[in-house]
Amino acid sequence: MAVSDYRALIVREARAHGLRPSLVAGLVDVESGGQPAVVSVAGAVGLMQVMPGELIPGRPGAEALKDPETNVRTGCQLLAELLKAQGTQATALAAYYGGIYLGRPTDEGWQYIRLVEAAAQKYRDWDLTADDDFLEYAPQSQTWRECAINLKGVATDALEKGRDLAAKLSQLNQQLGAVSQQLSELAAAANEGVQRWGNI
């Protein structure tokens, strides 16, 4: 197996976690070379070499992490959390590798960062992969005209969905207006009842 065999999976999970697909692919390239069942001496498992639940409670177990989908989803979640916590791609990668000290990458950490970023360059075109929702618009050739036509199709569909949403919101506002009117009438009736009760 090769990293390219998991392109669709990597693109989907990377985007779901706010990561660049090329970066995740580069990490998979460095960590496992695209081999889903590989286990390191330290016990890290699978495509993204994730430490399993047997070693870090709360994570999937070693056997589960040999499943590519489970592994990439877990690895992307971990990398996204590290990116949020560390603030930069470099320190997040170093932390993923375990090569960070006092908030800064160690020498081994920097070496790992360079390896992943260099590997990511091989997968730069993955960042341009069309989302599944828009595959129907994907051009069959690289002509500007066809790209423009397909882009217009995306925009037209988005506009129609926007209009549908606006119509539904308008209908909801009308319903809310009617409910508000009914509540006002009930409040007025209740107030009148209180006044009458007070005059008895």
C-alpha atoms as a PDB file:
ATOM      1  CA  MET A   1       0.000   0.000   0.000  1.00  0.00           C
ATOM      2  CA  ALA A   2       1.059   3.598  -0.608  1.00  0.00           C
ATOM      3  CA  VAL A   3       0.005   6.969   0.780  1.00  0.00           C
ATOM      4  CA  SER A   4      -1.805   7.725  -2.484  1.00  0.00           C
ATOM      5  CA  ASP A   5      -4.145   4.784  -1.844  1.00  0.00           C
ATOM      6  CA  TYR A   6      -5.647   6.783   1.026  1.00  0.00           C
ATOM      7  CA  ARG A   7      -6.038  10.092  -0.784  1.00  0.00           C
ATOM      8  CA  ALA A   8      -9.827  10.378  -0.423  1.00  0.00           C
ATOM      9  CA  LEU A   9      -9.692   9.409   3.261  1.00  0.00           C
ATOM     10  CA  ILE A  10      -6.864  11.831   4.066  1.00  0.00           C
ATOM     11  CA  VAL A  11      -8.485  14.732   2.203  1.00  0.00           C
ATOM     12  CA  ARG A  12     -11.830  14.149   3.924  1.00  0.00           C
ATOM     13  CA  GLU A  13     -10.490  13.835   7.465  1.00  0.00           C
ATOM     14  CA  ALA A  14      -7.938  16.638   7.088  1.00  0.00           C
ATOM     15  CA  ARG A  15     -10.612  19.074   5.968  1.00  0.00           C
ATOM     16  CA  ALA A  16     -13.017  17.895   8.654  1.00  0.00           C
ATOM     17  CA  HIS A  17     -10.403  18.871  11.248  1.00  0.00           C
ATOM     18  CA  GLY A  18      -9.267  22.116   9.619  1.00  0.00           C
ATOM     19  CA  LEU A  19      -5.945  20.746   8.373  1.00  0.00           C
ATOM     20  CA  ARG A  20      -4.257  20.871   4.964  1.00  0.00           C
ATOM     21  CA  PRO A  21      -4.545  17.483   3.238  1.00  0.00           C
ATOM     22  CA  SER A  22      -0.968  17.803   1.968  1.00  0.00           C
ATOM     23  CA  LEU A  23       0.334  18.210   5.533  1.00  0.00           C
ATOM     24  CA  VAL A  24      -1.522  15.130   6.773  1.00  0.00           C
ATOM     25  CA  ALA A  25      -0.340  13.160   3.724  1.00  0.00           C
ATOM     26  CA  GLY A  26       3.240  14.259   4.416  1.00  0.00           C
ATOM     27  CA  LEU A  27       2.929  13.114   8.017  1.00  0.00           C
ATOM     28  CA  VAL A  28       1.541   9.732   6.927  1.00  0.00           C
ATOM     29  CA  ASP A  29       4.412   9.451   4.423  1.00  0.00           C
ATOM     30  CA  VAL A  30       7.028  10.037   7.109  1.00  0.00           C
ATOM     31  CA  GLU A  31       5.350   8.047   9.881  1.00  0.00           C
ATOM     32  CA  SER A  32       4.313   4.868   8.084  1.00  0.00           C
ATOM     33  CA  GLY A  33       4.933   5.165   4.349  1.00  0.00           C
ATOM     34  CA  GLY A  34       1.265   4.303   3.888  1.00  0.00           C
ATOM     35  CA  GLN A  35       1.422   0.974   5.747  1.00  0.00           C
ATOM     36  CA  PRO A  36      -1.746   0.675   7.897  1.00  0.00           C
ATOM     37  CA  ALA A  37      -0.644  -2.190  10.154  1.00  0.00           C
ATOM     38  CA  VAL A  38       2.859  -1.026  11.075  1.00  0.00           C
ATOM     39  CA  VAL A  39       3.656  -0.792  14.800  1.00  0.00           C
ATOM     40  CA  SER A  40       6.655   1.111  16.135  1.00  0.00           C
ATOM     41  CA  VAL A  41       9.004  -0.014  18.885  1.00  0.00           C
ATOM     42  CA  ALA A  42       7.303   2.520  21.174  1.00  0.00           C
ATOM     43  CA  GLY A  43       3.888   1.015  20.365  1.00  0.00           C
ATOM     44  CA  ALA A  44       2.538   3.659  17.963  1.00  0.00           C
ATOM     45  CA  VAL A  45       0.152   2.139  15.424  1.00  0.00           C
ATOM     46  CA  GLY A  46      -0.897   2.579  11.810  1.00  0.00           C
ATOM     47  CA  LEU A  47      -0.802   5.228   9.120  1.00  0.00           C
ATOM     48  CA  MET A  48      -0.313   8.199  11.448  1.00  0.00           C
ATOM     49  CA  GLN A  49       1.492   6.197  14.155  1.00  0.00           C
ATOM     50  CA  VAL A  50      -1.003   6.968  16.904  1.00  0.00           C
ATOM     51  CA  MET A  51      -0.305   5.782  20.445  1.00  0.00           C
ATOM     52  CA  PRO A  52      -3.161   3.370  21.316  1.00  0.00           C
ATOM     53  CA  GLY A  53      -5.607   3.271  24.187  1.00  0.00           C
ATOM     54  CA  GLU A  54      -3.562   0.575  25.900  1.00  0.00           C
ATOM     55  CA  LEU A  55      -0.894   3.238  26.458  1.00  0.00           C
ATOM     56  CA  ILE A  56      -2.978   6.432  26.483  1.00  0.00           C
ATOM     57  CA  PRO A  57      -6.473   5.892  27.950  1.00  0.00           C
ATOM     58  CA  GLY A  58      -9.333   7.345  25.956  1.00  0.00           C
ATOM     59  CA  ARG A  59      -7.915   6.526  22.539  1.00  0.00           C
ATOM     60  CA  PRO A  60      -8.874   3.591  20.300  1.00  0.00           C
ATOM     61  CA  GLY A  61      -7.036   0.342  20.958  1.00  0.00           C
ATOM     62  CA  ALA A  62      -4.126  -0.953  18.922  1.00  0.00           C
ATOM     63  CA  GLU A  63      -6.213  -3.259  16.729  1.00  0.00           C
ATOM     64  CA  ALA A  64      -8.773  -0.539  16.029  1.00  0.00           C
ATOM     65  CA  LEU A  65      -5.994   1.849  14.980  1.00  0.00           C
ATOM     66  CA  LYS A  66      -4.906  -0.574  12.267  1.00  0.00           C
ATOM     67  CA  ASP A  67      -8.117   0.403  10.488  1.00  0.00           C
ATOM     68  CA  PRO A  68      -7.145   3.325   8.184  1.00  0.00           C
ATOM     69  CA  GLU A  69     -10.311   5.352   8.822  1.00  0.00           C
ATOM     70  CA  THR A  70     -10.045   5.077  12.599  1.00  0.00           C
ATOM     71  CA  ASN A  71      -6.333   5.855  12.498  1.00  0.00           C
ATOM     72  CA  VAL A  72      -6.497   8.902  10.226  1.00  0.00           C
ATOM     73  CA  ARG A  73      -9.533  10.315  12.032  1.00  0.00           C
ATOM     74  CA  THR A  74      -7.799   9.934  15.410  1.00  0.00           C
ATOM     75  CA  GLY A  75      -4.482  11.257  14.105  1.00  0.00           C
ATOM     76  CA  CYS A  76      -6.110  14.308  12.507  1.00  0.00           C
ATOM     77  CA  GLN A  77      -8.030  15.041  15.694  1.00  0.00           C
ATOM     78  CA  LEU A  78      -4.792  14.849  17.697  1.00  0.00           C
ATOM     79  CA  LEU A  79      -2.871  17.052  15.244  1.00  0.00           C
ATOM     80  CA  ALA A  80      -5.690  19.623  15.173  1.00  0.00           C
ATOM     81  CA  GLU A  81      -5.741  19.750  18.984  1.00  0.00           C
ATOM     82  CA  LEU A  82      -1.973  20.223  19.063  1.00  0.00           C
ATOM     83  CA  LEU A  83      -2.147  22.969  16.450  1.00  0.00           C
ATOM     84  CA  LYS A  84      -4.731  24.804  18.535  1.00  0.00           C
ATOM     85  CA  ALA A  85      -2.709  24.357  21.720  1.00  0.00           C
ATOM     86  CA  GLN A  86       0.733  25.120  20.282  1.00  0.00           C
ATOM     87  CA  GLY A  87      -0.267  27.898  17.910  1.00  0.00           C
ATOM     88  CA  THR A  88       2.044  27.096  14.987  1.00  0.00           C
ATOM     89  CA  GLN A  89       2.394  24.254  12.528  1.00  0.00           C
ATOM     90  CA  ALA A  90       6.036  23.693  13.471  1.00  0.00           C
ATOM     91  CA  THR A  91       5.428  23.343  17.198  1.00  0.00           C
ATOM     92  CA  ALA A  92       2.330  21.204  16.584  1.00  0.00           C
ATOM     93  CA  LEU A  93       4.356  18.796  14.445  1.00  0.00           C
ATOM     94  CA  ALA A  94       7.146  18.735  17.017  1.00  0.00           C
ATOM     95  CA  ALA A  95       4.633  17.972  19.765  1.00  0.00           C
ATOM     96  CA  TYR A  96       3.068  15.230  17.634  1.00  0.00           C
ATOM     97  CA  TYR A  97       6.515  13.658  17.341  1.00  0.00           C
ATOM     98  CA  GLY A  98       7.315  14.266  21.001  1.00  0.00           C
ATOM     99  CA  GLY A  99      10.231  16.503  20.088  1.00  0.00           C
ATOM    100  CA  ILE A 100       9.367  19.616  22.057  1.00  0.00           C
ATOM    101  CA  TYR A 101      10.796  21.096  25.262  1.00  0.00           C
ATOM    102  CA  LEU A 102       9.556  24.184  27.112  1.00  0.00           C
ATOM    103  CA  GLY A 103       7.341  25.066  24.169  1.00  0.00           C
ATOM    104  CA  ARG A 104      10.124  24.901  21.575  1.00  0.00           C
ATOM    105  CA  PRO A 105      11.073  22.084  19.165  1.00  0.00           C
ATOM    106  CA  THR A 106      14.199  20.129  20.057  1.00  0.00           C
ATOM    107  CA  ASP A 107      16.845  19.366  17.428  1.00  0.00           C
ATOM    108  CA  GLU A 108      15.089  16.070  16.710  1.00  0.00           C
ATOM    109  CA  GLY A 109      11.807  17.938  16.608  1.00  0.00           C
ATOM    110  CA  TRP A 110      13.125  20.332  13.934  1.00  0.00           C
ATOM    111  CA  GLN A 111      14.431  17.402  11.918  1.00  0.00           C
ATOM    112  CA  TYR A 112      10.959  15.810  12.036  1.00  0.00           C
ATOM    113  CA  ILE A 113       9.310  19.104  11.025  1.00  0.00           C
ATOM    114  CA  ARG A 114      11.563  19.404   7.984  1.00  0.00           C
ATOM    115  CA  LEU A 115      10.899  15.801   6.976  1.00  0.00           C
ATOM    116  CA  VAL A 116       7.107  16.191   7.167  1.00  0.00           C
ATOM    117  CA  GLU A 117       7.043  19.557   5.402  1.00  0.00           C
ATOM    118  CA  ALA A 118       9.308  18.238   2.640  1.00  0.00           C
ATOM    119  CA  ALA A 119       7.103  15.165   2.203  1.00  0.00           C
ATOM    120  CA  ALA A 120       3.996  17.382   2.146  1.00  0.00           C
ATOM    121  CA  GLN A 121       5.292  19.099  -0.991  1.00  0.00           C
ATOM    122  CA  LYS A 122       4.722  15.858  -2.914  1.00  0.00           C
ATOM    123  CA  TYR A 123       1.008  16.086  -2.134  1.00  0.00           C
ATOM    124  CA  ARG A 124       0.377  19.803  -2.734  1.00  0.00           C
ATOM    125  CA  ASP A 125      -2.246  19.083  -5.387  1.00  0.00           C
ATOM    126  CA  TRP A 126      -4.336  17.273  -2.745  1.00  0.00           C
ATOM    127  CA  ASP A 127      -5.148  20.675  -1.244  1.00  0.00           C
ATOM    128  CA  LEU A 128      -7.039  21.462  -4.465  1.00  0.00           C
ATOM    129  CA  THR A 129      -9.123  18.280  -4.470  1.00  0.00           C
ATOM    130  CA  ALA A 130     -12.830  18.998  -4.963  1.00  0.00           C
ATOM    131  CA  ASP A 131     -15.101  18.249  -2.035  1.00  0.00           C
ATOM    132  CA  ASP A 132     -17.522  15.369  -2.628  1.00  0.00           C
ATOM    133  CA  ASP A 133     -20.441  17.827  -2.653  1.00  0.00           C
ATOM    134  CA  PHE A 134     -19.013  19.532  -5.731  1.00  0.00           C
ATOM    135  CA  LEU A 135     -17.645  16.586  -7.710  1.00  0.00           C
ATOM    136  CA  GLU A 136     -20.467  16.980 -10.224  1.00  0.00           C
ATOM    137  CA  TYR A 137     -18.893  20.304 -11.204  1.00  0.00           C
ATOM    138  CA  ALA A 138     -15.350  18.998 -11.519  1.00  0.00           C
ATOM    139  CA  PRO A 139     -13.991  19.890 -14.978  1.00  0.00           C
ATOM    140  CA  GLN A 140     -13.101  17.030 -17.295  1.00  0.00           C
ATOM    141  CA  SER A 141     -10.340  19.082 -18.907  1.00  0.00           C
ATOM    142  CA  GLN A 142      -8.202  22.032 -17.890  1.00  0.00           C
ATOM    143  CA  THR A 143      -9.756  24.668 -20.159  1.00  0.00           C
ATOM    144  CA  TRP A 144     -10.575  28.055 -18.637  1.00  0.00           C
ATOM    145  CA  ARG A 145     -14.004  28.020 -20.266  1.00  0.00           C
ATOM    146  CA  GLU A 146     -14.994  24.720 -18.683  1.00  0.00           C
ATOM    147  CA  CYS A 147     -13.681  25.789 -15.284  1.00  0.00           C
ATOM    148  CA  ALA A 148     -15.694  29.020 -15.534  1.00  0.00           C
ATOM    149  CA  ILE A 149     -18.854  27.129 -16.513  1.00  0.00           C
ATOM    150  CA  ASN A 150     -18.465  24.741 -13.594  1.00  0.00           C
ATOM    151  CA  LEU A 151     -17.775  27.573 -11.186  1.00  0.00           C
ATOM    152  CA  LYS A 152     -20.961  29.265 -12.409  1.00  0.00           C
ATOM    153  CA  GLY A 153     -22.817  26.020 -11.670  1.00  0.00           C
ATOM    154  CA  VAL A 154     -21.533  26.035  -8.090  1.00  0.00           C
ATOM    155  CA  ALA A 155     -22.534  29.685  -7.661  1.00  0.00           C
ATOM    156  CA  THR A 156     -25.987  29.089  -9.154  1.00  0.00           C
ATOM    157  CA  ASP A 157     -26.692  26.175  -6.843  1.00  0.00           C
ATOM    158  CA  ALA A 158     -25.480  28.194  -3.846  1.00  0.00           C
ATOM    159  CA  LEU A 159     -27.752  31.093  -4.869  1.00  0.00           C
ATOM    160  CA  GLU A 160     -30.770  28.807  -5.186  1.00  0.00           C
ATOM    161  CA  LYS A 161     -30.093  27.278  -1.783  1.00  0.00           C
ATOM    162  CA  GLY A 162     -29.749  30.783  -0.358  1.00  0.00           C
ATOM    163  CA  ARG A 163     -33.108  31.789  -1.816  1.00  0.00           C
ATOM    164  CA  ASP A 164     -34.754  28.656  -0.420  1.00  0.00           C
ATOM    165  CA  LEU A 165     -33.319  29.454   3.001  1.00  0.00           C
ATOM    166  CA  ALA A 166     -34.521  33.079   2.755  1.00  0.00           C
ATOM    167  CA  ALA A 167     -38.037  31.877   1.873  1.00  0.00           C
ATOM    168  CA  LYS A 168     -38.076  29.504   4.841  1.00  0.00           C
ATOM    169  CA  LEU A 169     -36.861  32.272   7.148  1.00  0.00           C
ATOM    170  CA  SER A 170     -39.577  34.589   5.833  1.00  0.00           C
ATOM    171  CA  GLN A 171     -42.216  31.928   6.486  1.00  0.00           C
ATOM    172  CA  LEU A 172     -40.796  31.374   9.975  1.00  0.00           C
ATOM    173  CA  ASN A 173     -40.945  35.116  10.678  1.00  0.00           C
ATOM    174  CA  GLN A 174     -44.598  35.167   9.639  1.00  0.00           C
ATOM    175  CA  GLN A 175     -45.354  32.262  11.947  1.00  0.00           C
ATOM    176  CA  LEU A 176     -43.505  33.962  14.783  1.00  0.00           C
ATOM    177  CA  GLY A 177     -45.480  37.149  14.098  1.00  0.00           C
ATOM    178  CA  ALA A 178     -48.741  35.229  14.384  1.00  0.00           C
ATOM    179  CA  VAL A 179     -47.612  33.598  17.626  1.00  0.00           C
ATOM    180  CA  SER A 180     -46.579  36.988  18.969  1.00  0.00           C
ATOM    181  CA  GLN A 181     -50.009  38.389  18.123  1.00  0.00           C
ATOM    182  CA  GLN A 182     -51.695  35.502  19.896  1.00  0.00           C
ATOM    183  CA  LEU A 183     -49.520  36.010  22.960  1.00  0.00           C
ATOM    184  CA  SER A 184     -50.381  39.706  23.008  1.00  0.00           C
ATOM    185  CA  GLU A 185     -54.086  38.868  22.867  1.00  0.00           C
ATOM    186  CA  LEU A 186     -53.719  36.352  25.678  1.00  0.00           C
ATOM    187  CA  ALA A 187     -51.792  38.874  27.769  1.00  0.00           C
ATOM    188  CA  ALA A 188     -54.502  41.512  27.185  1.00  0.00           C
ATOM    189  CA  ALA A 189     -57.228  39.016  28.131  1.00  0.00           C
ATOM    190  CA  ALA A 190     -55.322  38.001  31.251  1.00  0.00           C
ATOM    191  CA  ASN A 191     -54.838  41.637  32.237  1.00  0.00           C
ATOM    192  CA  GLU A 192     -58.544  42.327  31.742  1.00  0.00           C
ATOM    193  CA  GLY A 193     -59.390  39.307  33.867  1.00  0.00           C
ATOM    194  CA  VAL A 194     -57.098  40.500  36.664  1.00  0.00           C
ATOM    195  CA  GLN A 195     -58.718  43.946  36.607  1.00  0.00           C
ATOM    196  CA  ARG A 196     -62.219  42.447  36.778  1.00  0.00           C
ATOM    197  CA  TRP A 197     -61.194  40.191  39.642  1.00  0.00           C
ATOM    198  CA  GLY A 198     -59.864  43.199  41.493  1.00  0.00           C
ATOM    199  CA  ASN A 199     -63.194  45.029  41.146  1.00  0.00           C
ATOM    200  CA  ILE A 200     -65.190  42.204  42.694  1.00  0.00           C
END
